[in-house]
Protein backbone atom coordinates (compact mmCIF):
# COMPACT_ATOMS: atom_id res chain seq x y z
CA MET A 1 0.00 0.00 0.00
CA LEU A 2 3.03 2.29 -0.20
CA ASN A 3 4.86 1.40 -3.39
CA LEU A 4 4.85 -1.75 -5.42
CA SER A 5 8.59 -2.03 -5.91
CA LYS A 6 9.96 -5.55 -5.44
CA ASN A 7 12.99 -4.25 -3.54
CA ASN A 8 13.07 -2.09 -0.43
CA ASP A 9 16.64 -1.03 0.01
CA VAL A 10 15.93 0.75 3.29
CA LEU A 11 14.68 -2.39 5.02
CA GLY A 12 16.82 -4.79 3.01
CA THR A 13 13.79 -6.72 1.82
CA THR A 14 12.96 -8.31 -1.54
CA ASN A 15 9.78 -9.78 -2.93
CA ARG A 16 10.24 -13.00 -4.86
CA GLY A 17 7.31 -12.35 -7.19
CA ASN A 18 4.95 -9.58 -8.26
CA VAL A 19 3.95 -7.29 -5.41
CA ALA A 20 0.34 -6.98 -4.25
CA GLU A 21 -1.07 -3.82 -2.70
CA SER A 22 -0.48 -5.37 0.72
CA GLY A 23 3.27 -5.59 0.06
CA LEU A 24 3.10 -9.38 -0.11
CA CYS A 25 3.84 -11.29 -3.29
CA THR A 26 0.69 -12.01 -5.29
CA LEU A 27 1.71 -15.68 -5.11
CA CYS A 28 3.09 -16.50 -1.67
CA ARG A 29 4.96 -19.81 -1.43
CA ALA A 30 5.25 -21.96 1.68
CA ASP A 31 8.80 -22.92 0.68
CA CYS A 32 9.95 -19.33 0.06
CA ALA A 33 13.47 -18.55 1.26
CA GLY A 34 12.63 -14.87 1.62
CA LYS A 35 12.74 -12.11 1.99
CA CYS A 36 9.71 -9.78 1.92
CA GLU A 37 9.00 -7.48 4.87
CA THR A 38 6.53 -9.87 6.51
CA TRP A 39 8.95 -12.80 6.09
CA MET A 40 11.79 -10.83 7.69
CA SER A 41 9.51 -9.53 10.46
CA SER A 42 8.62 -13.12 11.36
CA LEU A 43 12.24 -13.51 12.46
CA LYS A 44 13.46 -10.09 13.50
CA GLY A 45 10.28 -8.69 15.05
CA ARG A 46 10.33 -4.98 15.85
CA ALA A 47 13.84 -4.53 14.48
CA MET A 48 12.15 -4.44 11.06
CA LEU A 49 10.55 -1.12 11.91
CA TYR A 50 13.82 0.68 11.24
CA PRO A 51 16.21 1.19 8.29
CA ARG A 52 19.10 -1.24 8.15
CA ASP A 53 22.77 -0.47 8.79
CA PHE A 54 22.26 2.33 11.29
CA GLY A 55 25.34 4.50 11.59
CA LEU A 56 26.28 4.03 7.95
CA VAL A 57 23.16 5.31 6.22
CA THR A 58 20.55 7.99 5.94
CA ALA A 59 17.04 7.17 4.68
CA GLY A 60 14.25 9.14 3.06
CA SER A 61 10.68 8.22 2.12
CA GLY A 62 10.13 6.72 -1.31
CA ASN A 63 6.36 7.16 -1.13
CA THR A 64 5.84 10.28 -3.20
CA THR A 65 2.67 9.52 -5.15
CA HIS A 66 -0.91 8.91 -4.06
CA VAL A 67 -2.83 8.03 -7.19
CA GLY A 68 -6.43 6.84 -7.12
CA VAL A 69 -8.50 5.63 -4.19
CA SER A 70 -6.80 3.08 -1.95
CA TYR A 71 -5.56 2.72 1.59
CA ASN A 72 -2.26 4.11 0.30
CA SER A 73 -4.06 7.40 -0.37
CA LEU A 74 -4.93 7.77 3.31
CA ARG A 75 -2.24 9.44 5.42
CA ILE A 76 -1.82 9.04 9.19
CA GLN A 77 -2.02 12.26 11.19
CA GLY A 78 0.53 13.26 13.81
CA TYR A 79 0.16 15.97 16.44
CA ASN A 80 2.63 18.05 18.41
CA TYR A 81 0.94 18.27 21.79
CA GLY A 82 -1.40 16.45 24.15
CA ALA A 83 -1.93 12.87 25.27
CA LYS A 84 -5.26 11.03 25.19
CA GLY A 85 -6.08 7.72 26.80
CA VAL A 86 -3.13 7.54 29.15
CA ALA A 87 -3.47 4.44 31.33
CA SER A 88 -4.81 4.70 34.85
CA GLY A 89 -2.02 5.37 37.31
CA ARG A 90 0.09 7.20 34.74
CA THR A 91 0.46 10.92 34.25
CA THR A 92 0.76 12.97 31.09
CA ASN A 93 4.38 13.67 31.98
CA PRO A 94 6.66 12.74 29.06
CA ASP A 95 8.27 10.10 31.27
CA ASP A 96 4.93 8.32 31.47
CA CYS A 97 3.91 8.86 27.84
CA LEU A 98 6.26 6.39 26.18
CA PHE A 99 5.10 4.59 23.04
CA THR A 100 5.84 1.27 24.71
CA GLY A 101 3.04 2.05 27.15
CA VAL A 102 0.37 2.44 24.48
CA GLY A 103 -2.43 -0.03 25.21
CA LEU A 104 -3.27 -2.39 22.33
CA GLU A 105 -5.84 -4.59 24.04
CA THR A 106 -9.30 -4.55 22.51
CA ALA A 107 -12.67 -6.12 23.32
CA PHE A 108 -15.52 -7.21 21.06
CA GLY A 109 -18.85 -8.95 21.32
CA LYS A 110 -19.99 -10.44 24.57
CA GLY A 111 -16.96 -10.98 26.80
CA LEU A 112 -14.37 -11.49 24.04
CA LYS A 113 -10.99 -9.74 24.06
CA ALA A 114 -7.65 -9.73 22.25
CA ARG A 115 -4.14 -8.52 23.07
CA LEU A 116 -3.82 -6.97 19.62
CA PRO A 117 -6.62 -5.65 17.39
CA LEU A 118 -5.88 -8.46 14.98
CA MET A 119 -7.37 -11.78 13.85
CA THR A 120 -6.73 -14.35 11.15
CA GLY A 121 -8.67 -14.91 7.98
CA ALA A 122 -10.50 -18.18 7.57
CA LEU A 123 -8.09 -21.14 7.42
CA GLY A 124 -10.30 -23.95 6.24
CA SER A 125 -10.14 -27.00 4.01
CA THR A 126 -7.13 -25.92 1.96
CA PHE A 127 -4.29 -28.38 2.48
CA ILE A 128 -1.85 -25.61 3.31
CA ALA A 129 -4.05 -24.63 6.27
CA ALA A 130 -4.13 -28.22 7.50
CA LYS A 131 -0.38 -28.77 7.11
CA TYR A 132 0.63 -25.69 9.08
CA TRP A 133 -2.28 -25.53 11.50
CA ASP A 134 -0.22 -26.41 14.59
CA ASN A 135 1.94 -23.34 13.92
CA PHE A 136 -1.00 -21.04 13.24
CA ALA A 137 -3.06 -22.20 16.22
CA ALA A 138 -0.32 -22.13 18.83
CA GLY A 139 1.08 -18.84 17.54
CA CYS A 140 -2.26 -17.03 17.56
CA ALA A 141 -3.16 -18.38 21.01
CA LEU A 142 0.21 -17.27 22.40
CA ALA A 143 -0.16 -13.85 20.76
CA GLY A 144 -3.69 -13.57 22.17
CA ILE A 145 -5.56 -13.04 18.88
CA PRO A 146 -8.58 -14.86 17.40
CA ILE A 147 -8.16 -17.56 14.78
CA VAL A 148 -10.81 -18.76 12.34
CA VAL A 149 -11.32 -22.40 11.36
CA GLY A 150 -12.69 -21.99 7.86
CA GLU A 151 -15.38 -23.87 6.01
CA ASN A 152 -15.48 -27.51 4.91
CA VAL A 153 -12.92 -28.90 7.37
CA VAL A 154 -15.24 -31.76 8.32
CA GLY A 155 -16.45 -32.43 4.80
CA VAL A 156 -12.99 -33.03 3.32
CA ASP A 157 -11.73 -35.10 6.24
CA ARG A 158 -11.60 -38.74 5.15
CA LYS A 159 -11.51 -39.81 8.80
CA ALA A 160 -14.63 -37.87 9.73
CA GLU A 161 -17.65 -40.09 10.40
CA LEU A 162 -21.17 -39.15 9.40
CA LYS A 163 -24.30 -41.04 10.39
CA ASN A 164 -27.61 -40.19 8.78
CA GLY A 165 -25.86 -37.24 7.17
CA LYS A 166 -24.64 -35.76 10.48
CA VAL A 167 -21.08 -35.74 11.79
CA VAL A 168 -20.36 -37.93 14.82
CA ALA A 169 -16.56 -37.89 14.66
CA ALA A 170 -14.34 -35.16 13.22
CA PRO A 171 -10.67 -35.73 14.11
CA GLU A 172 -9.31 -32.90 11.95
CA LEU A 173 -11.73 -30.35 13.40
CA ASP A 174 -10.95 -31.64 16.90
CA ARG A 175 -7.23 -31.17 16.21
CA ARG A 176 -7.78 -27.62 15.07
CA ILE A 177 -9.76 -26.58 18.12
CA ASP A 178 -7.57 -28.44 20.61
CA GLY A 179 -4.41 -26.98 19.05
CA TYR A 180 -5.60 -23.47 19.80
CA MET A 181 -7.11 -24.17 23.23
CA ARG A 182 -3.84 -25.70 24.44
CA PHE A 183 -2.28 -22.23 24.75
CA PHE A 184 -5.45 -20.13 25.06
CA ASP A 185 -5.33 -17.96 28.18
CA GLY A 186 -8.50 -15.92 27.83
CA TYR A 187 -7.29 -13.56 25.10
CA GLY A 188 -8.41 -14.30 21.55
CA ALA A 189 -11.05 -16.77 20.39
CA ILE A 190 -11.46 -19.90 18.30
CA ILE A 191 -14.05 -19.26 15.59
CA VAL A 192 -15.56 -22.08 13.50
CA GLN A 193 -17.26 -21.23 10.20
CA LEU A 194 -20.41 -22.76 8.78
CA ASN A 195 -21.22 -22.85 5.08
CA VAL A 196 -24.03 -24.72 3.31
CA GLU A 197 -22.33 -28.14 3.54
CA ASP A 198 -21.20 -27.61 7.14
CA ALA A 199 -24.75 -26.77 8.17
CA ARG A 200 -26.08 -29.87 6.40
CA ASN A 201 -23.43 -32.03 8.05
CA GLY A 202 -24.39 -30.86 11.54
CA VAL A 203 -21.07 -29.20 12.34
CA ALA A 204 -22.66 -26.66 14.71
CA GLU A 205 -24.34 -29.43 16.71
CA TYR A 206 -21.11 -31.43 16.86
CA VAL A 207 -19.01 -28.49 18.05
CA ILE A 208 -21.39 -27.37 20.80
CA ASP A 209 -21.80 -30.93 22.08
CA LYS A 210 -18.05 -31.55 22.25
CA PHE A 211 -16.57 -28.15 23.07
CA GLY A 212 -19.42 -26.13 24.55
CA ASP A 213 -19.81 -22.39 24.22
CA LYS A 214 -16.09 -21.64 24.36
CA VAL A 215 -16.16 -21.80 20.54
CA VAL A 216 -17.51 -18.88 18.49
CA ILE A 217 -19.66 -20.07 15.59
CA GLU A 218 -19.58 -18.06 12.36
CA LEU A 219 -22.12 -17.93 9.56
CA LYS A 220 -20.45 -17.37 6.21
CA TRP A 221 -21.89 -15.30 3.40
CA GLY A 222 -18.77 -14.77 1.35
CA GLN A 223 -15.21 -13.55 1.15
CA GLY A 224 -13.03 -11.08 -0.69
CA ALA A 225 -11.32 -13.59 -2.97
CA LYS A 226 -14.26 -14.94 -4.97
CA ASN A 227 -18.02 -14.72 -5.33
CA ILE A 228 -18.63 -18.48 -5.46
CA GLY A 229 -18.25 -21.12 -2.77
CA GLY A 230 -14.97 -22.33 -1.35
CA GLU A 231 -12.66 -24.45 -3.48
CA ILE A 232 -9.77 -26.83 -3.15
CA GLU A 233 -7.89 -28.89 -5.74
CA VAL A 234 -7.18 -32.59 -5.28
CA LYS A 235 -4.86 -34.67 -7.46
CA ASP A 236 -6.15 -38.15 -6.60
CA ILE A 237 -9.25 -39.38 -8.43
CA ASP A 238 -10.18 -41.61 -5.51
CA TYR A 239 -10.23 -38.57 -3.22
CA ALA A 240 -12.27 -36.70 -5.83
CA LEU A 241 -14.80 -39.56 -5.86
CA PHE A 242 -14.91 -39.49 -2.04
CA LEU A 243 -15.65 -35.76 -2.05
CA LYS A 244 -18.41 -36.17 -4.60
CA LYS A 245 -20.00 -38.86 -2.43
CA ARG A 246 -19.75 -36.44 0.49
CA GLY A 247 -22.08 -34.19 -1.50
CA TYR A 248 -19.68 -31.70 -3.05
CA LEU A 249 -19.58 -30.44 -6.61
CA VAL A 250 -16.36 -31.83 -8.13
CA ASP A 251 -15.16 -30.45 -11.47
CA PRO A 252 -14.51 -32.21 -13.78
CA ASP A 253 -16.89 -34.96 -12.69
CA PRO A 254 -14.70 -37.93 -11.61
CA GLU A 255 -17.55 -40.37 -12.30
CA LEU A 256 -17.72 -39.62 -16.03
CA PRO A 257 -15.99 -42.32 -18.15
CA ALA A 258 -14.33 -39.71 -20.36
CA VAL A 259 -12.89 -37.96 -17.33
CA LYS A 260 -11.61 -41.25 -15.92
CA ASP A 261 -9.90 -41.99 -19.23
CA ALA A 262 -8.40 -38.51 -19.38
CA TYR A 263 -7.09 -38.92 -15.82
CA ARG A 264 -5.45 -42.27 -16.65
CA GLN A 265 -3.89 -40.75 -19.76
CA GLY A 266 -2.56 -37.77 -17.82
CA ALA A 267 -4.68 -35.08 -19.49
CA VAL A 268 -6.68 -34.44 -16.31
CA LYS A 269 -4.26 -33.86 -13.45
CA GLY A 270 -6.54 -32.44 -10.79
CA PHE A 271 -10.10 -31.93 -9.64
CA ALA A 272 -11.64 -28.79 -8.13
CA ARG A 273 -14.02 -29.30 -5.22
CA HIS A 274 -16.58 -26.52 -4.87
CA SER A 275 -19.03 -25.52 -2.18
CA ARG A 276 -22.55 -24.41 -2.92
CA LEU A 277 -23.85 -20.88 -3.12
CA GLY A 278 -26.11 -19.93 -0.26
CA TYR A 279 -29.63 -18.54 -0.49
CA THR A 280 -30.20 -19.58 -4.11
CA ASP A 281 -33.73 -20.66 -3.16
CA LEU A 282 -34.65 -17.33 -1.57
CA PRO A 283 -36.28 -14.82 -3.96
CA SER A 284 -36.09 -11.62 -1.94
CA GLU A 285 -34.27 -9.66 0.73
CA ASP A 286 -37.15 -10.29 3.15
CA ALA A 287 -36.78 -14.03 2.66
CA VAL A 288 -33.03 -13.83 3.32
CA GLN A 289 -33.64 -11.87 6.50
CA GLU A 290 -36.20 -14.36 7.75
CA ASN A 291 -33.89 -17.29 7.00
CA PHE A 292 -30.90 -15.61 8.61
CA MET A 293 -32.71 -14.74 11.81
CA SER A 294 -34.06 -18.28 12.01
CA ASN A 295 -30.54 -19.69 11.64
CA VAL A 296 -29.23 -17.46 14.42
CA GLU A 297 -32.10 -18.44 16.69
CA SER A 298 -31.32 -22.11 16.02
CA LEU A 299 -27.67 -21.60 16.96
CA ARG A 300 -28.64 -19.83 20.17
CA ALA A 301 -31.03 -22.66 20.99
CA LEU A 302 -28.12 -25.09 20.64
CA GLY A 303 -26.26 -23.11 23.32
CA TYR A 304 -23.95 -20.78 21.40
CA ARG A 305 -23.20 -17.59 23.32
CA ASN A 306 -21.03 -15.92 20.68
CA ILE A 307 -22.04 -15.84 17.00
CA SER A 308 -20.38 -13.96 14.14
CA LEU A 309 -20.93 -13.34 10.44
CA LYS A 310 -18.38 -13.17 7.62
CA THR A 311 -19.40 -11.37 4.44
CA GLY A 312 -17.57 -10.68 1.21
CA SER A 313 -17.10 -7.82 -1.21
CA TYR A 314 -20.64 -7.83 -2.59
CA GLY A 315 -22.46 -4.60 -3.40
CA MET A 316 -24.10 -2.08 -1.12
CA GLU A 317 -27.35 -3.98 -0.66
CA ALA A 318 -25.57 -7.05 0.69
CA LEU A 319 -23.38 -4.88 2.92
CA ALA A 320 -26.45 -3.17 4.38
CA MET A 321 -28.15 -6.54 4.87
CA ALA A 322 -25.14 -7.95 6.72
CA MET A 323 -24.90 -4.92 8.98
CA ARG A 324 -28.62 -4.63 9.73
CA TYR A 325 -29.16 -8.35 10.30
CA SER A 326 -26.09 -8.59 12.54
CA CYS A 327 -27.45 -5.70 14.54
CA ASP A 328 -30.95 -7.18 14.78
CA ALA A 329 -29.57 -10.58 15.81
CA ASP A 330 -27.18 -9.08 18.39
CA LEU A 331 -24.17 -10.81 16.86
CA ASP A 332 -20.71 -10.49 18.38
CA LEU A 333 -18.69 -9.70 15.26
CA LEU A 334 -19.16 -8.91 11.58
CA THR A 335 -16.11 -9.41 9.35
CA ILE A 336 -16.28 -7.44 6.10
CA ASP A 337 -13.81 -8.73 3.50
CA GLY A 338 -12.98 -6.49 0.56
CA SER A 339 -11.77 -7.59 -2.86
CA GLY A 340 -8.09 -8.40 -2.94
CA GLY A 341 -8.14 -10.78 -0.01
CA GLY A 342 -7.62 -14.52 -0.20
CA THR A 343 -5.76 -17.34 1.51
CA GLY A 344 -6.68 -20.38 -0.56
CA MET A 345 -7.68 -21.40 -4.06
CA SER A 346 -9.65 -18.85 -6.08
CA PRO A 347 -10.03 -18.37 -9.85
CA TRP A 348 -7.31 -15.81 -10.55
CA ASN A 349 -9.17 -13.47 -12.90
CA MET A 350 -12.21 -13.60 -10.63
CA MET A 351 -10.02 -12.50 -7.73
CA GLU A 352 -8.59 -9.70 -9.88
CA THR A 353 -11.86 -8.31 -11.22
CA TRP A 354 -14.87 -9.05 -9.03
CA GLY A 355 -16.41 -7.14 -6.16
CA VAL A 356 -15.84 -3.94 -4.21
CA PRO A 357 -12.21 -3.06 -3.36
CA SER A 358 -11.49 -2.89 0.35
CA VAL A 359 -11.25 0.86 0.94
CA PHE A 360 -14.56 1.55 -0.85
CA LEU A 361 -16.36 -1.23 1.00
CA HIS A 362 -14.95 -0.24 4.37
CA ALA A 363 -15.75 3.44 3.85
CA LYS A 364 -19.37 2.52 3.12
CA ALA A 365 -19.45 0.19 6.14
CA TYR A 366 -18.57 3.15 8.36
CA GLU A 367 -21.22 5.30 6.68
CA TYR A 368 -23.89 2.66 7.20
CA ALA A 369 -22.78 2.01 10.80
CA ALA A 370 -23.12 5.71 11.59
CA LEU A 371 -26.59 5.67 10.03
CA LEU A 372 -27.65 2.77 12.24
CA ALA A 373 -26.18 4.46 15.31
CA SER A 374 -28.05 7.68 14.51
CA ARG A 375 -31.27 5.68 14.79
CA GLY A 376 -30.31 4.49 18.26
CA ARG A 377 -29.18 1.03 17.17
CA LYS A 378 -26.24 -0.79 18.77
CA VAL A 379 -23.89 -1.43 15.87
CA THR A 380 -22.30 -4.87 15.77
CA ASP A 381 -18.56 -4.80 16.38
CA MET A 382 -16.77 -5.12 13.05
CA SER A 383 -13.55 -6.49 11.63
CA PHE A 384 -12.17 -5.22 8.32
CA ALA A 385 -10.33 -7.59 5.97
CA GLY A 386 -8.88 -7.51 2.48
CA GLY A 387 -5.19 -7.05 1.67
CA PHE A 388 -3.61 -6.05 4.99
CA ALA A 389 -0.11 -6.99 6.16
CA ARG A 390 1.54 -4.15 8.08
CA GLU A 391 1.03 -2.02 11.18
CA ASP A 392 0.13 1.08 9.14
CA HIS A 393 -2.59 -0.98 7.45
CA ILE A 394 -3.99 -1.87 10.88
CA PHE A 395 -3.98 1.79 11.96
CA LYS A 396 -5.65 3.08 8.80
CA ALA A 397 -8.39 0.46 8.71
CA LEU A 398 -9.18 0.85 12.43
CA ALA A 399 -9.31 4.63 12.05
CA LEU A 400 -11.42 4.55 8.88
CA GLY A 401 -14.03 2.43 10.65
CA ALA A 402 -13.76 3.94 14.13
CA PRO A 403 -15.38 3.56 16.58
CA TYR A 404 -17.17 0.52 15.21
CA VAL A 405 -14.19 -1.53 14.00
CA LYS A 406 -12.47 -3.49 16.78
CA LEU A 407 -10.23 -5.89 14.82
CA ILE A 408 -8.32 -6.08 11.56
CA CYS A 409 -8.35 -9.43 9.78
CA MET A 410 -5.16 -10.61 8.09
CA GLY A 411 -5.05 -13.74 5.96
CA ARG A 412 -1.81 -14.46 4.13
CA ALA A 413 0.37 -12.21 6.30
CA ILE A 414 -0.21 -14.31 9.42
CA MET A 415 0.38 -17.53 7.47
CA ILE A 416 3.87 -16.52 6.31
CA PRO A 417 5.54 -16.89 9.73
CA GLY A 418 3.92 -20.31 10.08
CA PHE A 419 5.57 -21.44 6.85
CA LEU A 420 8.90 -19.88 7.71
CA GLY A 421 9.07 -21.31 11.20
CA ALA A 422 8.20 -24.81 9.96
CA ASN A 423 10.90 -24.61 7.30
CA ILE A 424 13.50 -23.58 9.89
CA GLU A 425 12.38 -26.29 12.31
CA GLY A 426 12.65 -28.94 9.60
CA ALA A 427 16.09 -27.75 8.53
CA LEU A 428 17.48 -27.63 12.08
CA HIS A 429 15.83 -30.91 13.07
CA PRO A 430 15.71 -33.20 10.00
CA GLU A 431 13.94 -35.88 12.02
CA ARG A 432 10.95 -33.50 12.34
CA CYS A 433 11.01 -32.19 8.76
CA GLU A 434 8.18 -34.33 7.39
CA ALA A 435 6.05 -33.96 10.51
CA VAL A 436 6.22 -30.17 10.43
CA SER A 437 5.89 -29.94 6.62
CA GLY A 438 9.30 -28.37 6.29
CA ASN A 439 10.53 -27.56 2.78
CA TRP A 440 14.25 -27.01 3.37
CA ASP A 441 17.15 -29.44 3.71
CA SER A 442 19.30 -26.69 5.21
CA LEU A 443 19.02 -23.05 6.18
CA PRO A 444 19.29 -20.67 3.20
CA LYS A 445 21.64 -17.71 3.28
CA THR A 446 18.76 -15.31 3.97
CA VAL A 447 18.23 -17.08 7.30
CA LYS A 448 21.90 -17.73 8.11
CA ASP A 449 22.52 -14.00 7.79
CA ILE A 450 20.35 -13.61 10.91
CA GLY A 451 21.49 -16.63 12.93
CA SER A 452 21.80 -20.39 13.13
CA THR A 453 19.89 -21.35 16.28
CA PRO A 454 16.23 -20.73 17.15
CA GLU A 455 17.30 -18.50 20.03
CA GLU A 456 19.21 -16.29 17.56
CA LEU A 457 16.69 -16.47 14.74
CA PHE A 458 13.39 -15.61 16.43
CA ALA A 459 13.04 -12.27 18.17
CA ALA A 460 10.18 -13.62 20.28
CA TRP A 461 11.91 -16.84 21.40
CA ALA A 462 12.86 -15.60 24.86
CA ALA A 463 9.45 -14.02 25.50
CA VAL A 464 7.54 -17.14 24.47
CA SER A 465 9.86 -19.35 26.51
CA ALA A 466 9.34 -17.17 29.56
CA LYS A 467 5.58 -17.37 29.09
CA VAL A 468 5.16 -21.12 28.66
CA GLY A 469 8.21 -22.38 30.58
CA PRO A 470 11.17 -24.44 29.35
CA GLU A 471 9.32 -27.77 29.45
CA ALA A 472 6.37 -26.64 27.31
CA MET A 473 8.73 -24.70 25.04
CA ARG A 474 10.09 -27.97 23.71
CA SER A 475 6.74 -28.64 22.04
CA VAL A 476 5.96 -25.13 20.77
CA PRO A 477 6.21 -25.16 16.96
CA TYR A 478 8.80 -22.79 15.55
CA GLY A 479 6.14 -21.32 13.31
CA ALA A 480 4.21 -20.29 16.41
CA VAL A 481 7.25 -18.42 17.70
CA ALA A 482 7.58 -16.75 14.29
CA ILE A 483 3.95 -15.58 14.54
CA CYS A 484 4.77 -14.06 17.92
CA SER A 485 7.80 -12.35 16.35
CA LEU A 486 5.58 -10.86 13.64
CA ALA A 487 3.05 -9.81 16.29
CA ASP A 488 5.88 -8.08 18.16
CA LYS A 489 6.71 -6.01 15.09
CA LEU A 490 3.08 -5.22 14.24
CA GLY A 491 2.30 -4.33 17.85
CA ALA A 492 5.34 -2.11 18.36
CA GLY A 493 4.77 -0.37 15.02
CA LEU A 494 1.13 0.24 15.88
CA GLN A 495 2.14 1.63 19.28
CA GLN A 496 4.50 4.08 17.59
CA LEU A 497 1.84 5.29 15.16
CA LEU A 498 -0.69 5.69 17.97
CA ALA A 499 1.76 7.58 20.16
CA GLY A 500 2.48 9.93 17.26
CA ALA A 501 -1.26 10.56 17.01
CA ARG A 502 -1.23 11.18 20.78
CA LYS A 503 -3.53 8.21 21.37
CA PHE A 504 -2.30 5.99 24.20
CA ARG A 505 -4.98 3.34 23.81
CA VAL A 506 -5.93 1.73 20.52
CA THR A 507 -9.59 2.04 21.50
CA GLY A 508 -9.18 5.82 21.24
CA ILE A 509 -8.32 5.79 17.56
CA SER A 510 -10.63 7.92 15.41
CA ARG A 511 -11.25 9.06 11.85
CA ASP A 512 -9.63 12.37 12.79
CA ASP A 513 -6.34 10.48 12.81
CA LEU A 514 -6.47 10.19 9.01
CA ALA A 515 -6.28 12.59 6.09
CA SER A 516 -6.90 12.00 2.39
CA ALA A 517 -3.94 12.51 0.06
CA ASN A 518 -6.11 13.29 -2.98
CA ARG A 519 -9.55 14.70 -3.62
CA GLU A 520 -10.93 11.48 -5.05
CA THR A 521 -10.12 9.62 -1.84
CA GLU A 522 -11.71 12.46 0.15
CA ARG A 523 -14.90 12.13 -1.88
CA GLU A 524 -15.17 8.36 -1.44
CA THR A 525 -14.09 8.03 2.20
CA LYS A 526 -15.35 11.38 3.58
CA ILE A 527 -11.91 11.78 5.18
CA PRO A 528 -10.91 15.44 4.64
CA PHE A 529 -8.12 16.39 2.24
CA ILE A 530 -4.77 16.68 3.96
CA THR A 531 -4.27 20.45 3.66
CA ASP A 532 -7.87 21.20 4.63
CA VAL A 533 -7.50 19.40 7.97
CA GLN A 534 -7.05 22.03 10.73
CA ASP A 535 -6.60 24.75 8.11
CA GLU A 536 -9.13 27.01 9.82
CA THR A 537 -7.44 26.50 13.19
CA ALA A 538 -4.07 27.32 11.61
CA ARG A 539 -5.42 30.54 10.12
CA ASN A 540 -6.85 31.59 13.48
CA ILE A 541 -3.42 31.12 15.05
CA LEU A 542 -1.78 33.25 12.37
CA LEU A 543 -4.38 36.01 12.53
CA ALA A 544 -4.76 36.17 16.31
């Protein structure tokens, strides 16, 4: 969201592939040897906030253009006096107003809280989510942020048992929930999504019976990566046949003789498993509302205390429906995912061309939230998603949606440290390489330049070890420590930005902390143009 150059000489980072607006490569590889900013931050933590080679260099901003409407065209305000939200027991004396004391804890829904205003995107039935789940789950629990178990986890699990169409055993889903709860200490949440197939399979009933109301259940309308149901690709025709028998659409159809022949001959090398679109049998908005409210009531009757909704980058009607229905149903969280997001398999040109880009969608979400609030309605706490990776992204999205947005949802950015840590663990401990899905036989130079032991490599190693103790530390996945290292960088960077805005609690962030860098962005976001902000106040000072 700053510039799309592949190389950042100031930070010493390089993108392997084409650069997305988030700063990540458009195609992020689990076996990547580095070294984008997020990859490096997963090792070095807050050290990545600063230019490299201090004492030998000077550095100046390379971000000189703000073209079009995007998060890049929003600038963060800084102020030269005052201090708001200083913690109880502290004074506004400069000795007490250190950026390291800025409070990042946030709360949302009914009794839910997080150490950082951050959560993961949905990590569901994609194989990459399954392979690295231990890293993701432990890391997010240790960092104190929510994690989302995405759709179809039960449906694609060959070991899951269904009787009369309802799940009675789901070992993969159990592993996902247990992996997070092992290190859960009251901060964060484990959220389990429901799509059409999950609802049919009785996933909600299974989860509440086995895990109780400590799990948040999430209804899923859509996502920012595609406007059709979730997809995965499988290479094995037997697995494709299994998935079709489970009730999924599999393309091409593995039961067709011509497809079987093409598979044997090598022309067909994979099969795409698709989920179904929701609400195809409902003809009107009123029918959708009635169905949605009924579904929520059913979940509450099962015993769920916390319920959330995830919606995608549809148009304004769908956005308004999601916000109004969430409000009416007293949901705990509404995640709004703009175009450009994505963690799994999506048709590429669909991802590139469909839906409402994040900044437009999020600006409208604020507008509609303010409209609901003006009518005396309690607006559902929101999370914004869609192409975020850095601390400045977190600040801008929180401020754009303030005070209604409590969390920022990151998909691929939080997965990168999981990959990196697993690769390092496999290289340092070859006997674990297969178990942790490591991709390296040895440490690449990009890693060796930082260190050769986990204690040297991961900025958060000592902090995590102190938290869990030396005995438990032996079983903490390296990818989890890498997630904590990334969280250290994101948290410290966010603290610095907040302190510069004279906000000493993240909950005090506001739209006044932003300015638009061009008139088009001002028009779409209603954030004033940068030289208009405080211009009247400035003139009064000069003319006094």
